[in-house]
Amino acid sequence: MLEALGIYIKLAVDVERRILSEGGELHADCELILLDDGSVQAIIWGADWYPLRQKVGYESLINIRPSADNKSMEIQEPVLREDISQIVQSLLGNVEWQ
């Protein structure tokens, strides 16, 4: 998954189903996989995973949602950010990265 971008992996996270899709060139690529699997767009958020630092980034074009009071690329809601972090950490945090 690191081959595409080198130091991080683009993700789309379904916060209701607590699943994610990773590795696309764009967050929208990952989002499409979740949509095809039955997820609802309103609960999918874009994030990045930095495996060597075990950190989550919260910036993506798919996060611009004025209707959800998120007017920037970065996820603004702290509770949502924490939820996404927990999902990503639980699914990718223990994977060996080389």
C-alpha atoms as a PDB file:
ATOM      1  CA  MET A   1       0.000   0.000   0.000  1.00  0.00           C
ATOM      2  CA  LEU A   2       2.896   2.373   0.583  1.00  0.00           C
ATOM      3  CA  GLU A   3       4.116   1.995  -3.002  1.00  0.00           C
ATOM      4  CA  ALA A   4       1.699   4.615  -4.339  1.00  0.00           C
ATOM      5  CA  LEU A   5       2.601   7.490  -1.990  1.00  0.00           C
ATOM      6  CA  GLY A   6       5.683   6.376  -0.060  1.00  0.00           C
ATOM      7  CA  ILE A   7       5.151   7.545   3.515  1.00  0.00           C
ATOM      8  CA  TYR A   8       1.393   7.482   3.938  1.00  0.00           C
ATOM      9  CA  ILE A   9      -1.737   5.703   2.755  1.00  0.00           C
ATOM     10  CA  LYS A  10      -4.988   7.361   1.743  1.00  0.00           C
ATOM     11  CA  LEU A  11      -8.078   6.018   3.471  1.00  0.00           C
ATOM     12  CA  ALA A  12     -11.834   6.312   3.445  1.00  0.00           C
ATOM     13  CA  VAL A  13     -13.425   5.389   6.764  1.00  0.00           C
ATOM     14  CA  ASP A  14     -17.045   4.369   7.296  1.00  0.00           C
ATOM     15  CA  VAL A  15     -17.552   5.495  10.884  1.00  0.00           C
ATOM     16  CA  GLU A  16     -20.857   3.662  11.306  1.00  0.00           C
ATOM     17  CA  ARG A  17     -19.757   0.264  10.032  1.00  0.00           C
ATOM     18  CA  ARG A  18     -16.255   0.794  11.496  1.00  0.00           C
ATOM     19  CA  ILE A  19     -14.521  -0.313   8.306  1.00  0.00           C
ATOM     20  CA  LEU A  20     -12.125   1.361   5.918  1.00  0.00           C
ATOM     21  CA  SER A  21     -10.748   1.163   2.422  1.00  0.00           C
ATOM     22  CA  GLU A  22      -7.121   2.051   1.751  1.00  0.00           C
ATOM     23  CA  GLY A  23      -4.464   2.465  -0.866  1.00  0.00           C
ATOM     24  CA  GLY A  24      -6.116   4.458  -3.637  1.00  0.00           C
ATOM     25  CA  GLU A  25      -4.436   7.304  -5.449  1.00  0.00           C
ATOM     26  CA  LEU A  26      -7.296   9.507  -4.260  1.00  0.00           C
ATOM     27  CA  HIS A  27      -9.477   9.366  -1.172  1.00  0.00           C
ATOM     28  CA  ALA A  28     -12.412   9.254  -3.596  1.00  0.00           C
ATOM     29  CA  ASP A  29     -11.087   5.930  -4.959  1.00  0.00           C
ATOM     30  CA  CYS A  30     -11.275   4.465  -1.469  1.00  0.00           C
ATOM     31  CA  GLU A  31     -14.678   6.060  -0.894  1.00  0.00           C
ATOM     32  CA  LEU A  32     -16.034   4.435  -4.067  1.00  0.00           C
ATOM     33  CA  ILE A  33     -15.029   0.982  -2.814  1.00  0.00           C
ATOM     34  CA  LEU A  34     -16.991   1.544   0.399  1.00  0.00           C
ATOM     35  CA  LEU A  35     -19.990   2.897  -1.502  1.00  0.00           C
ATOM     36  CA  ASP A  36     -19.939  -0.177  -3.741  1.00  0.00           C
ATOM     37  CA  ASP A  37     -19.906  -2.294  -0.575  1.00  0.00           C
ATOM     38  CA  GLY A  38     -23.050  -0.672   0.808  1.00  0.00           C
ATOM     39  CA  SER A  39     -21.746   2.266   2.824  1.00  0.00           C
ATOM     40  CA  VAL A  40     -23.580   5.598   2.827  1.00  0.00           C
ATOM     41  CA  GLN A  41     -21.592   8.633   1.662  1.00  0.00           C
ATOM     42  CA  ALA A  42     -22.657  10.793   4.613  1.00  0.00           C
ATOM     43  CA  ILE A  43     -20.754   8.579   7.063  1.00  0.00           C
ATOM     44  CA  ILE A  44     -17.572   8.103   5.015  1.00  0.00           C
ATOM     45  CA  TRP A  45     -14.674  10.409   5.833  1.00  0.00           C
ATOM     46  CA  GLY A  46     -11.243  10.770   4.263  1.00  0.00           C
ATOM     47  CA  ALA A  47      -8.074  10.282   6.273  1.00  0.00           C
ATOM     48  CA  ASP A  48      -4.414   9.351   5.879  1.00  0.00           C
ATOM     49  CA  TRP A  49      -2.424   6.709   7.733  1.00  0.00           C
ATOM     50  CA  TYR A  50       1.267   7.311   8.466  1.00  0.00           C
ATOM     51  CA  PRO A  51       2.335   3.785   9.425  1.00  0.00           C
ATOM     52  CA  LEU A  52       5.902   4.530  10.458  1.00  0.00           C
ATOM     53  CA  ARG A  53       4.659   7.119  12.970  1.00  0.00           C
ATOM     54  CA  GLN A  54       1.393   5.267  13.727  1.00  0.00           C
ATOM     55  CA  LYS A  55      -0.509   8.543  13.207  1.00  0.00           C
ATOM     56  CA  VAL A  56      -3.721   9.505  11.434  1.00  0.00           C
ATOM     57  CA  GLY A  57      -4.138  12.614   9.282  1.00  0.00           C
ATOM     58  CA  TYR A  58      -7.594  14.098   8.740  1.00  0.00           C
ATOM     59  CA  GLU A  59      -7.345  16.080   5.512  1.00  0.00           C
ATOM     60  CA  SER A  60      -9.149  15.134   2.285  1.00  0.00           C
ATOM     61  CA  LEU A  61     -11.268  16.740  -0.393  1.00  0.00           C
ATOM     62  CA  ILE A  62     -14.096  14.330   0.405  1.00  0.00           C
ATOM     63  CA  ASN A  63     -14.336  15.925   3.862  1.00  0.00           C
ATOM     64  CA  ILE A  64     -15.605  19.275   2.546  1.00  0.00           C
ATOM     65  CA  ARG A  65     -19.219  19.088   3.698  1.00  0.00           C
ATOM     66  CA  PRO A  66     -20.933  22.344   4.572  1.00  0.00           C
ATOM     67  CA  SER A  67     -24.149  20.395   5.284  1.00  0.00           C
ATOM     68  CA  ALA A  68     -22.290  18.536   8.063  1.00  0.00           C
ATOM     69  CA  ASP A  69     -20.732  21.807   9.287  1.00  0.00           C
ATOM     70  CA  ASN A  70     -17.312  20.734   7.956  1.00  0.00           C
ATOM     71  CA  LYS A  71     -16.321  23.509   5.566  1.00  0.00           C
ATOM     72  CA  SER A  72     -12.664  22.580   5.103  1.00  0.00           C
ATOM     73  CA  MET A  73     -10.679  19.588   3.907  1.00  0.00           C
ATOM     74  CA  GLU A  74      -9.700  18.828   7.487  1.00  0.00           C
ATOM     75  CA  ILE A  75     -12.189  17.095   9.768  1.00  0.00           C
ATOM     76  CA  GLN A  76     -13.122  19.722  12.353  1.00  0.00           C
ATOM     77  CA  GLU A  77     -15.135  17.729  14.902  1.00  0.00           C
ATOM     78  CA  PRO A  78     -12.826  16.392  17.673  1.00  0.00           C
ATOM     79  CA  VAL A  79     -15.151  13.496  18.579  1.00  0.00           C
ATOM     80  CA  LEU A  80     -15.297  12.374  14.936  1.00  0.00           C
ATOM     81  CA  ARG A  81     -11.507  12.631  14.640  1.00  0.00           C
ATOM     82  CA  GLU A  82     -11.078  10.448  17.727  1.00  0.00           C
ATOM     83  CA  ASP A  83     -13.555   7.898  16.398  1.00  0.00           C
ATOM     84  CA  ILE A  84     -11.701   7.720  13.076  1.00  0.00           C
ATOM     85  CA  SER A  85      -8.383   7.400  14.888  1.00  0.00           C
ATOM     86  CA  GLN A  86      -9.691   4.484  16.938  1.00  0.00           C
ATOM     87  CA  ILE A  87     -11.014   2.702  13.839  1.00  0.00           C
ATOM     88  CA  VAL A  88      -7.760   3.170  11.922  1.00  0.00           C
ATOM     89  CA  GLN A  89      -5.567   2.202  14.881  1.00  0.00           C
ATOM     90  CA  SER A  90      -7.623  -0.936  15.522  1.00  0.00           C
ATOM     91  CA  LEU A  91      -7.459  -2.064  11.884  1.00  0.00           C
ATOM     92  CA  LEU A  92      -3.975  -0.904  10.826  1.00  0.00           C
ATOM     93  CA  GLY A  93      -2.057  -0.084  13.990  1.00  0.00           C
ATOM     94  CA  ASN A  94      -0.555  -3.508  14.568  1.00  0.00           C
ATOM     95  CA  VAL A  95       0.406  -4.248  10.958  1.00  0.00           C
ATOM     96  CA  GLU A  96       4.135  -4.673  10.268  1.00  0.00           C
ATOM     97  CA  TRP A  97       5.245  -1.949   7.793  1.00  0.00           C
ATOM     98  CA  GLN A  98       8.498  -2.079   5.889  1.00  0.00           C
END
